[in-house]
PDB file of N, CA and C in Angstrom:
ATOM      1  N   MET A   1      99.073  35.380 147.191  1.00  0.00           N
ATOM      2  CA  MET A   1      99.365  36.793 147.555  1.00  0.00           C
ATOM      3  C   MET A   1     100.383  37.877 148.024  1.00  0.00           C
ATOM      4  N   LYS A   2     101.807  38.719 148.240  1.00  0.00           N
ATOM      5  CA  LYS A   2     102.135  39.215 148.071  1.00  0.00           C
ATOM      6  C   LYS A   2     102.477  41.264 148.264  1.00  0.00           C
ATOM      7  N   LEU A   3     102.407  41.631 149.188  1.00  0.00           N
ATOM      8  CA  LEU A   3     102.407  43.030 149.421  1.00  0.00           C
ATOM      9  C   LEU A   3     103.501  43.344 149.685  1.00  0.00           C
ATOM     10  N   THR A   4     104.677  44.160 149.372  1.00  0.00           N
ATOM     11  CA  THR A   4     105.819  44.403 149.315  1.00  0.00           C
ATOM     12  C   THR A   4     106.307  46.068 149.177  1.00  0.00           C
ATOM     13  N   HIS A   5     106.665  46.700 149.950  1.00  0.00           N
ATOM     14  CA  HIS A   5     106.955  48.593 149.496  1.00  0.00           C
ATOM     15  C   HIS A   5     108.142  48.473 149.119  1.00  0.00           C
ATOM     16  N   VAL A   6     107.758  49.216 147.424  1.00  0.00           N
ATOM     17  CA  VAL A   6     108.739  49.290 146.766  1.00  0.00           C
ATOM     18  C   VAL A   6     108.795  50.701 146.290  1.00  0.00           C
ATOM     19  N   GLN A   7     110.606  51.288 146.511  1.00  0.00           N
ATOM     20  CA  GLN A   7     110.290  53.017 146.094  1.00  0.00           C
ATOM     21  C   GLN A   7     108.732  53.869 146.248  1.00  0.00           C
ATOM     22  N   GLY A   8     107.963  53.287 147.819  1.00  0.00           N
ATOM     23  CA  GLY A   8     107.678  54.727 147.485  1.00  0.00           C
ATOM     24  C   GLY A   8     105.283  53.863 147.204  1.00  0.00           C
ATOM     25  N   GLU A   9     105.724  52.711 146.475  1.00  0.00           N
ATOM     26  CA  GLU A   9     104.077  51.865 145.778  1.00  0.00           C
ATOM     27  C   GLU A   9     104.348  51.123 146.836  1.00  0.00           C
ATOM     28  N   VAL A  10     102.883  50.396 147.203  1.00  0.00           N
ATOM     29  CA  VAL A  10     103.134  49.446 147.288  1.00  0.00           C
ATOM     30  C   VAL A  10     102.239  48.178 146.092  1.00  0.00           C
ATOM     31  N   LEU A  11     102.939  47.554 146.039  1.00  0.00           N
ATOM     32  CA  LEU A  11     103.355  46.627 145.171  1.00  0.00           C
ATOM     33  C   LEU A  11     102.400  45.333 145.653  1.00  0.00           C
ATOM     34  N   LEU A  12     101.467  44.321 144.560  1.00  0.00           N
ATOM     35  CA  LEU A  12     100.494  43.478 145.368  1.00  0.00           C
ATOM     36  C   LEU A  12     100.233  42.747 144.295  1.00  0.00           C
ATOM     37  N   ALA A  13     101.246  41.737 144.693  1.00  0.00           N
ATOM     38  CA  ALA A  13     101.556  40.433 143.000  1.00  0.00           C
ATOM     39  C   ALA A  13     100.251  39.808 143.552  1.00  0.00           C
ATOM     40  N   ALA A  14      99.928  39.101 142.985  1.00  0.00           N
ATOM     41  CA  ALA A  14      98.913  37.163 143.332  1.00  0.00           C
ATOM     42  C   ALA A  14      98.630  37.017 142.203  1.00  0.00           C
ATOM     43  N   ALA A  15      98.717  35.693 142.530  1.00  0.00           N
ATOM     44  CA  ALA A  15      98.012  35.119 141.642  1.00  0.00           C
ATOM     45  C   ALA A  15      97.556  33.347 142.201  1.00  0.00           C
ATOM     46  N   ASP A  16      96.417  33.092 141.970  1.00  0.00           N
ATOM     47  CA  ASP A  16      95.769  32.033 141.634  1.00  0.00           C
ATOM     48  C   ASP A  16      96.733  30.943 142.329  1.00  0.00           C
ATOM     49  N   SER A  17      96.417  30.043 143.759  1.00  0.00           N
ATOM     50  CA  SER A  17      97.099  28.783 144.083  1.00  0.00           C
ATOM     51  C   SER A  17      97.515  27.913 142.726  1.00  0.00           C
ATOM     52  N   ASP A  18      96.568  27.671 142.617  1.00  0.00           N
ATOM     53  CA  ASP A  18      97.101  26.435 141.262  1.00  0.00           C
ATOM     54  C   ASP A  18      98.017  27.139 140.215  1.00  0.00           C
ATOM     55  N   LEU A  19      98.516  28.383 140.294  1.00  0.00           N
ATOM     56  CA  LEU A  19      99.968  28.818 139.290  1.00  0.00           C
ATOM     57  C   LEU A  19     100.851  28.698 139.934  1.00  0.00           C
ATOM     58  N   ILE A  20     101.313  28.314 140.641  1.00  0.00           N
ATOM     59  CA  ILE A  20     102.321  29.013 141.399  1.00  0.00           C
ATOM     60  C   ILE A  20     103.434  27.522 141.230  1.00  0.00           C
ATOM     61  N   ASN A  21     104.344  28.193 141.560  1.00  0.00           N
ATOM     62  CA  ASN A  21     105.900  27.395 140.730  1.00  0.00           C
ATOM     63  C   ASN A  21     105.191  26.742 139.703  1.00  0.00           C
ATOM     64  N   LYS A  22     104.566  27.122 138.313  1.00  0.00           N
ATOM     65  CA  LYS A  22     104.278  26.960 136.755  1.00  0.00           C
ATOM     66  C   LYS A  22     104.385  28.265 136.361  1.00  0.00           C
ATOM     67  N   GLU A  23     105.164  27.631 134.704  1.00  0.00           N
ATOM     68  CA  GLU A  23     105.535  28.064 133.654  1.00  0.00           C
ATOM     69  C   GLU A  23     104.747  28.329 132.582  1.00  0.00           C
ATOM     70  N   PHE A  24     104.515  29.661 131.745  1.00  0.00           N
ATOM     71  CA  PHE A  24     103.599  29.737 130.531  1.00  0.00           C
ATOM     72  C   PHE A  24     104.344  30.441 129.804  1.00  0.00           C
ATOM     73  N   SER A  25     103.794  29.961 128.443  1.00  0.00           N
ATOM     74  CA  SER A  25     104.759  30.739 127.460  1.00  0.00           C
ATOM     75  C   SER A  25     103.204  30.911 125.903  1.00  0.00           C
ATOM     76  N   SER A  26     103.832  32.083 125.393  1.00  0.00           N
ATOM     77  CA  SER A  26     103.028  31.605 124.130  1.00  0.00           C
ATOM     78  C   SER A  26     103.780  32.907 123.891  1.00  0.00           C
ATOM     79  N   GLY A  27     104.263  32.712 122.459  1.00  0.00           N
ATOM     80  CA  GLY A  27     105.338  33.363 121.540  1.00  0.00           C
ATOM     81  C   GLY A  27     106.135  34.059 122.316  1.00  0.00           C
ATOM     82  N   LYS A  28     106.376  34.751 122.240  1.00  0.00           N
ATOM     83  CA  LYS A  28     108.397  35.534 122.331  1.00  0.00           C
ATOM     84  C   LYS A  28     107.434  36.007 124.543  1.00  0.00           C
ATOM     85  N   LEU A  29     106.254  35.390 124.428  1.00  0.00           N
ATOM     86  CA  LEU A  29     105.373  36.476 125.827  1.00  0.00           C
ATOM     87  C   LEU A  29     105.811  35.273 126.524  1.00  0.00           C
ATOM     88  N   LYS A  30     106.570  34.757 128.544  1.00  0.00           N
ATOM     89  CA  LYS A  30     106.741  34.213 128.933  1.00  0.00           C
ATOM     90  C   LYS A  30     106.489  34.515 130.805  1.00  0.00           C
ATOM     91  N   ILE A  31     106.243  33.294 131.599  1.00  0.00           N
ATOM     92  CA  ILE A  31     106.020  33.942 132.876  1.00  0.00           C
ATOM     93  C   ILE A  31     105.759  32.765 133.530  1.00  0.00           C
ATOM     94  N   LYS A  32     106.886  33.205 134.505  1.00  0.00           N
ATOM     95  CA  LYS A  32     107.079  32.301 135.556  1.00  0.00           C
ATOM     96  C   LYS A  32     106.935  33.137 137.434  1.00  0.00           C
ATOM     97  N   VAL A  33     105.642  31.789 137.217  1.00  0.00           N
ATOM     98  CA  VAL A  33     104.549  32.162 138.738  1.00  0.00           C
ATOM     99  C   VAL A  33     105.386  31.835 139.970  1.00  0.00           C
ATOM    100  N   LEU A  34     106.470  32.528 140.424  1.00  0.00           N
ATOM    101  CA  LEU A  34     107.291  32.235 141.384  1.00  0.00           C
ATOM    102  C   LEU A  34     106.340  32.301 142.669  1.00  0.00           C
ATOM    103  N   PRO A  35     106.499  31.851 143.588  1.00  0.00           N
ATOM    104  CA  PRO A  35     106.612  31.763 144.773  1.00  0.00           C
ATOM    105  C   PRO A  35     107.425  33.318 145.447  1.00  0.00           C
ATOM    106  N   GLU A  36     108.238  33.591 144.939  1.00  0.00           N
ATOM    107  CA  GLU A  36     109.089  34.522 145.907  1.00  0.00           C
ATOM    108  C   GLU A  36     108.545  36.029 145.607  1.00  0.00           C
ATOM    109  N   PHE A  37     107.697  36.406 144.098  1.00  0.00           N
ATOM    110  CA  PHE A  37     107.876  37.430 143.494  1.00  0.00           C
ATOM    111  C   PHE A  37     105.976  37.510 144.146  1.00  0.00           C
ATOM    112  N   TYR A  38     105.928  35.871 143.538  1.00  0.00           N
ATOM    113  CA  TYR A  38     103.695  36.631 143.416  1.00  0.00           C
ATOM    114  C   TYR A  38     103.506  36.049 145.406  1.00  0.00           C
ATOM    115  N   GLY A  39     104.327  35.212 146.287  1.00  0.00           N
ATOM    116  CA  GLY A  39     104.016  35.625 147.562  1.00  0.00           C
ATOM    117  C   GLY A  39     103.577  33.811 148.089  1.00  0.00           C
ATOM    118  N   GLU A  40     103.330  33.564 148.690  1.00  0.00           N
ATOM    119  CA  GLU A  40     102.823  31.925 149.352  1.00  0.00           C
ATOM    120  C   GLU A  40     101.463  32.080 150.340  1.00  0.00           C
ATOM    121  N   THR A  41     101.544  33.238 150.193  1.00  0.00           N
ATOM    122  CA  THR A  41     100.106  33.310 151.295  1.00  0.00           C
ATOM    123  C   THR A  41      99.071  33.241 150.892  1.00  0.00           C
ATOM    124  N   SER A  42      98.108  32.452 151.504  1.00  0.00           N
ATOM    125  CA  SER A  42      96.818  31.882 150.948  1.00  0.00           C
ATOM    126  C   SER A  42      96.095  32.503 150.930  1.00  0.00           C
ATOM    127  N   VAL A  43      95.121  33.382 150.416  1.00  0.00           N
ATOM    128  CA  VAL A  43      94.251  34.685 151.405  1.00  0.00           C
ATOM    129  C   VAL A  43      92.873  34.382 150.649  1.00  0.00           C
ATOM    130  N   ASN A  44      91.866  34.967 151.441  1.00  0.00           N
ATOM    131  CA  ASN A  44      90.561  34.905 151.009  1.00  0.00           C
ATOM    132  C   ASN A  44      90.077  36.053 149.935  1.00  0.00           C
ATOM    133  N   ASP A  45      88.814  36.099 149.464  1.00  0.00           N
ATOM    134  CA  ASP A  45      88.693  36.841 148.598  1.00  0.00           C
ATOM    135  C   ASP A  45      88.167  38.025 149.104  1.00  0.00           C
ATOM    136  N   VAL A  46      87.599  38.416 150.519  1.00  0.00           N
ATOM    137  CA  VAL A  46      87.965  40.241 151.194  1.00  0.00           C
ATOM    138  C   VAL A  46      89.549  40.177 151.002  1.00  0.00           C
ATOM    139  N   THR A  47      90.467  39.717 152.361  1.00  0.00           N
ATOM    140  CA  THR A  47      91.286  39.837 152.175  1.00  0.00           C
ATOM    141  C   THR A  47      92.308  40.065 150.499  1.00  0.00           C
ATOM    142  N   PHE A  48      92.543  39.429 149.683  1.00  0.00           N
ATOM    143  CA  PHE A  48      92.134  39.867 148.648  1.00  0.00           C
ATOM    144  C   PHE A  48      91.713  41.076 148.196  1.00  0.00           C
ATOM    145  N   LEU A  49      90.938  41.816 148.192  1.00  0.00           N
ATOM    146  CA  LEU A  49      90.394  42.781 147.512  1.00  0.00           C
ATOM    147  C   LEU A  49      90.580  43.951 148.794  1.00  0.00           C
ATOM    148  N   SER A  50      90.735  43.699 149.678  1.00  0.00           N
ATOM    149  CA  SER A  50      90.987  44.645 151.354  1.00  0.00           C
ATOM    150  C   SER A  50      92.199  45.320 150.396  1.00  0.00           C
ATOM    151  N   SER A  51      93.697  44.232 149.998  1.00  0.00           N
ATOM    152  CA  SER A  51      94.638  44.315 149.841  1.00  0.00           C
ATOM    153  C   SER A  51      95.024  44.598 148.551  1.00  0.00           C
ATOM    154  N   LEU A  52      93.624  44.947 147.052  1.00  0.00           N
ATOM    155  CA  LEU A  52      93.624  45.705 146.149  1.00  0.00           C
ATOM    156  C   LEU A  52      93.377  46.825 146.488  1.00  0.00           C
ATOM    157  N   GLY A  53      92.735  47.373 147.661  1.00  0.00           N
ATOM    158  CA  GLY A  53      92.336  49.237 148.003  1.00  0.00           C
ATOM    159  C   GLY A  53      93.373  49.245 148.199  1.00  0.00           C
ATOM    160  N   LEU A  54      94.914  48.620 149.013  1.00  0.00           N
ATOM    161  CA  LEU A  54      95.268  49.111 149.811  1.00  0.00           C
ATOM    162  C   LEU A  54      97.298  49.581 148.723  1.00  0.00           C
ATOM    163  N   CYS A  55      97.181  48.472 147.822  1.00  0.00           N
ATOM    164  CA  CYS A  55      98.124  49.012 146.862  1.00  0.00           C
ATOM    165  C   CYS A  55      97.840  49.848 145.855  1.00  0.00           C
ATOM    166  N   THR A  56      99.210  50.416 145.112  1.00  0.00           N
ATOM    167  CA  THR A  56      99.592  51.341 144.469  1.00  0.00           C
ATOM    168  C   THR A  56      99.696  51.418 142.852  1.00  0.00           C
ATOM    169  N   ILE A  57     100.014  49.870 142.713  1.00  0.00           N
ATOM    170  CA  ILE A  57     100.886  48.508 141.918  1.00  0.00           C
ATOM    171  C   ILE A  57     100.684  47.289 142.350  1.00  0.00           C
ATOM    172  N   ALA A  58      99.588  46.379 141.063  1.00  0.00           N
ATOM    173  CA  ALA A  58      99.380  45.010 141.263  1.00  0.00           C
ATOM    174  C   ALA A  58      99.613  44.344 139.976  1.00  0.00           C
ATOM    175  N   ASN A  59     100.016  43.413 140.683  1.00  0.00           N
ATOM    176  CA  ASN A  59     100.665  42.082 138.966  1.00  0.00           C
ATOM    177  C   ASN A  59      99.642  40.978 139.220  1.00  0.00           C
ATOM    178  N   LEU A  60      98.828  40.689 138.877  1.00  0.00           N
ATOM    179  CA  LEU A  60      97.638  39.749 139.161  1.00  0.00           C
ATOM    180  C   LEU A  60      98.196  38.471 137.827  1.00  0.00           C
ATOM    181  N   VAL A  61      97.935  37.354 138.417  1.00  0.00           N
ATOM    182  CA  VAL A  61      98.165  36.446 136.909  1.00  0.00           C
ATOM    183  C   VAL A  61      97.303  34.994 137.690  1.00  0.00           C
ATOM    184  N   GLY A  62      95.437  34.894 136.823  1.00  0.00           N
ATOM    185  CA  GLY A  62      95.076  33.837 137.303  1.00  0.00           C
ATOM    186  C   GLY A  62      93.364  34.185 136.789  1.00  0.00           C
ATOM    187  N   ARG A  63      92.693  33.357 136.914  1.00  0.00           N
ATOM    188  CA  ARG A  63      91.241  33.987 136.624  1.00  0.00           C
ATOM    189  C   ARG A  63      91.269  33.998 137.666  1.00  0.00           C
ATOM    190  N   HIS A  64      91.116  33.831 138.577  1.00  0.00           N
ATOM    191  CA  HIS A  64      90.178  33.613 139.182  1.00  0.00           C
ATOM    192  C   HIS A  64      90.959  35.694 140.512  1.00  0.00           C
ATOM    193  N   SER A  65      91.736  35.649 140.696  1.00  0.00           N
ATOM    194  CA  SER A  65      93.190  36.856 140.978  1.00  0.00           C
ATOM    195  C   SER A  65      91.934  38.117 140.122  1.00  0.00           C
ATOM    196  N   ILE A  66      91.967  37.742 139.015  1.00  0.00           N
ATOM    197  CA  ILE A  66      91.809  39.054 138.136  1.00  0.00           C
ATOM    198  C   ILE A  66      90.992  38.948 137.741  1.00  0.00           C
ATOM    199  N   GLU A  67      89.834  38.016 137.765  1.00  0.00           N
ATOM    200  CA  GLU A  67      88.010  38.523 137.911  1.00  0.00           C
ATOM    201  C   GLU A  67      87.850  39.170 138.873  1.00  0.00           C
ATOM    202  N   LEU A  68      88.241  39.124 139.826  1.00  0.00           N
ATOM    203  CA  LEU A  68      87.948  40.083 140.925  1.00  0.00           C
ATOM    204  C   LEU A  68      88.388  41.075 140.998  1.00  0.00           C
ATOM    205  N   ALA A  69      89.350  40.892 140.022  1.00  0.00           N
ATOM    206  CA  ALA A  69      89.698  42.891 139.553  1.00  0.00           C
ATOM    207  C   ALA A  69      89.059  43.602 139.520  1.00  0.00           C
ATOM    208  N   VAL A  70      88.072  42.770 137.836  1.00  0.00           N
ATOM    209  CA  VAL A  70      87.775  43.103 137.029  1.00  0.00           C
ATOM    210  C   VAL A  70      86.138  43.393 137.725  1.00  0.00           C
ATOM    211  N   GLN A  71      85.859  42.826 138.568  1.00  0.00           N
ATOM    212  CA  GLN A  71      84.755  42.782 138.952  1.00  0.00           C
ATOM    213  C   GLN A  71      84.455  45.041 140.358  1.00  0.00           C
ATOM    214  N   GLU A  72      85.545  44.396 140.594  1.00  0.00           N
ATOM    215  CA  GLU A  72      85.887  45.893 141.748  1.00  0.00           C
ATOM    216  C   GLU A  72      86.503  46.654 140.236  1.00  0.00           C
ATOM    217  N   GLY A  73      86.256  46.921 139.472  1.00  0.00           N
ATOM    218  CA  GLY A  73      86.938  47.933 138.829  1.00  0.00           C
ATOM    219  C   GLY A  73      87.667  48.355 138.061  1.00  0.00           C
ATOM    220  N   LEU A  74      89.230  47.864 138.946  1.00  0.00           N
ATOM    221  CA  LEU A  74      90.496  48.038 138.494  1.00  0.00           C
ATOM    222  C   LEU A  74      91.247  47.861 137.390  1.00  0.00           C
ATOM    223  N   ILE A  75      90.940  46.648 136.516  1.00  0.00           N
ATOM    224  CA  ILE A  75      91.341  46.410 135.686  1.00  0.00           C
ATOM    225  C   ILE A  75      89.792  45.777 134.349  1.00  0.00           C
ATOM    226  N   ASP A  76      90.149  46.620 133.259  1.00  0.00           N
ATOM    227  CA  ASP A  76      89.615  46.298 132.046  1.00  0.00           C
ATOM    228  C   ASP A  76      89.874  45.266 131.357  1.00  0.00           C
ATOM    229  N   ARG A  77      88.440  44.565 130.953  1.00  0.00           N
ATOM    230  CA  ARG A  77      88.931  43.681 130.421  1.00  0.00           C
ATOM    231  C   ARG A  77      89.204  43.286 129.365  1.00  0.00           C
ATOM    232  N   GLU A  78      89.499  44.179 128.274  1.00  0.00           N
ATOM    233  CA  GLU A  78      90.254  44.121 127.227  1.00  0.00           C
ATOM    234  C   GLU A  78      92.358  44.974 127.062  1.00  0.00           C
ATOM    235  N   ASN A  79      91.882  44.836 128.659  1.00  0.00           N
ATOM    236  CA  ASN A  79      93.530  44.750 129.108  1.00  0.00           C
ATOM    237  C   ASN A  79      94.493  43.694 129.728  1.00  0.00           C
ATOM    238  N   ILE A  80      93.561  42.669 129.492  1.00  0.00           N
ATOM    239  CA  ILE A  80      93.930  41.097 129.572  1.00  0.00           C
ATOM    240  C   ILE A  80      94.681  40.891 128.727  1.00  0.00           C
ATOM    241  N   LEU A  81      96.317  40.815 129.225  1.00  0.00           N
ATOM    242  CA  LEU A  81      96.749  39.879 128.843  1.00  0.00           C
ATOM    243  C   LEU A  81      97.193  37.904 128.777  1.00  0.00           C
ATOM    244  N   MET A  82      96.760  37.516 127.392  1.00  0.00           N
ATOM    245  CA  MET A  82      97.045  35.973 128.194  1.00  0.00           C
ATOM    246  C   MET A  82      98.247  35.627 127.326  1.00  0.00           C
ATOM    247  N   ILE A  83      98.819  34.812 128.316  1.00  0.00           N
ATOM    248  CA  ILE A  83      99.780  34.004 127.924  1.00  0.00           C
ATOM    249  C   ILE A  83      99.910  33.015 128.215  1.00  0.00           C
ATOM    250  N   GLY A  84      99.761  32.104 127.086  1.00  0.00           N
ATOM    251  CA  GLY A  84      99.732  31.101 126.560  1.00  0.00           C
ATOM    252  C   GLY A  84      97.913  31.037 127.379  1.00  0.00           C
ATOM    253  N   ASP A  85      97.399  29.876 127.953  1.00  0.00           N
ATOM    254  CA  ASP A  85      95.471  29.950 128.287  1.00  0.00           C
ATOM    255  C   ASP A  85      95.876  30.692 130.266  1.00  0.00           C
ATOM    256  N   VAL A  86      96.620  31.604 130.516  1.00  0.00           N
ATOM    257  CA  VAL A  86      96.637  32.216 131.718  1.00  0.00           C
ATOM    258  C   VAL A  86      96.095  33.492 131.670  1.00  0.00           C
ATOM    259  N   PRO A  87      94.704  34.121 131.689  1.00  0.00           N
ATOM    260  CA  PRO A  87      95.189  35.608 132.118  1.00  0.00           C
ATOM    261  C   PRO A  87      96.609  36.782 133.265  1.00  0.00           C
ATOM    262  N   HIS A  88      97.109  37.715 132.479  1.00  0.00           N
ATOM    263  CA  HIS A  88      98.404  38.248 133.363  1.00  0.00           C
ATOM    264  C   HIS A  88      97.511  39.694 133.172  1.00  0.00           C
ATOM    265  N   ALA A  89      97.230  40.362 134.258  1.00  0.00           N
ATOM    266  CA  ALA A  89      97.170  42.067 133.711  1.00  0.00           C
ATOM    267  C   ALA A  89      97.875  42.811 135.161  1.00  0.00           C
ATOM    268  N   GLN A  90      98.234  43.731 134.967  1.00  0.00           N
ATOM    269  CA  GLN A  90      99.024  44.888 135.717  1.00  0.00           C
ATOM    270  C   GLN A  90      98.023  46.880 135.907  1.00  0.00           C
ATOM    271  N   PHE A  91      97.690  47.006 136.922  1.00  0.00           N
ATOM    272  CA  PHE A  91      97.331  47.890 136.997  1.00  0.00           C
ATOM    273  C   PHE A  91      98.552  49.121 137.982  1.00  0.00           C
ATOM    274  N   ALA A  92      98.431  50.556 138.121  1.00  0.00           N
ATOM    275  CA  ALA A  92      98.793  51.286 138.996  1.00  0.00           C
ATOM    276  C   ALA A  92      97.470  52.170 139.315  1.00  0.00           C
ATOM    277  N   ARG A  93      97.656  52.174 140.398  1.00  0.00           N
ATOM    278  CA  ARG A  93      96.852  53.672 140.822  1.00  0.00           C
ATOM    279  C   ARG A  93      97.774  54.849 140.748  1.00  0.00           C
ATOM    280  N   MET A  94      96.961  56.325 139.956  1.00  0.00           N
ATOM    281  CA  MET A  94      97.603  56.872 140.435  1.00  0.00           C
ATOM    282  C   MET A  94      97.290  58.168 141.799  1.00  0.00           C
ATOM    283  N   THR A  95      97.821  59.004 142.170  1.00  0.00           N
ATOM    284  CA  THR A  95      97.589  59.672 143.843  1.00  0.00           C
ATOM    285  C   THR A  95      98.369  60.685 143.289  1.00  0.00           C
ATOM    286  N   GLU A  96      97.958  61.834 144.368  1.00  0.00           N
ATOM    287  CA  GLU A  96      98.622  63.084 143.488  1.00  0.00           C
ATOM    288  C   GLU A  96      99.281  63.066 145.087  1.00  0.00           C
TER     289      GLU A  96
END
């Protein structure tokens, strides 16, 4: 995973570790799971969930990462996009 501050937002990009440096496609949809964006820091579930609580925007790839976000109520299953056989989801937290 990787936490980045971008234009006043806290962006969490995270992918299941087995997906790093892989590319997936489905029709016109394509995704490259690059360590430059998704990070090279491997964390446990507790740290990942804590980071989800800090971010205002998240970009997630992989069954495990997204399942944790679903369990936390941050992602609805119907909003998960499948690219090939890999799930991808994003969320934005609205703050005042």
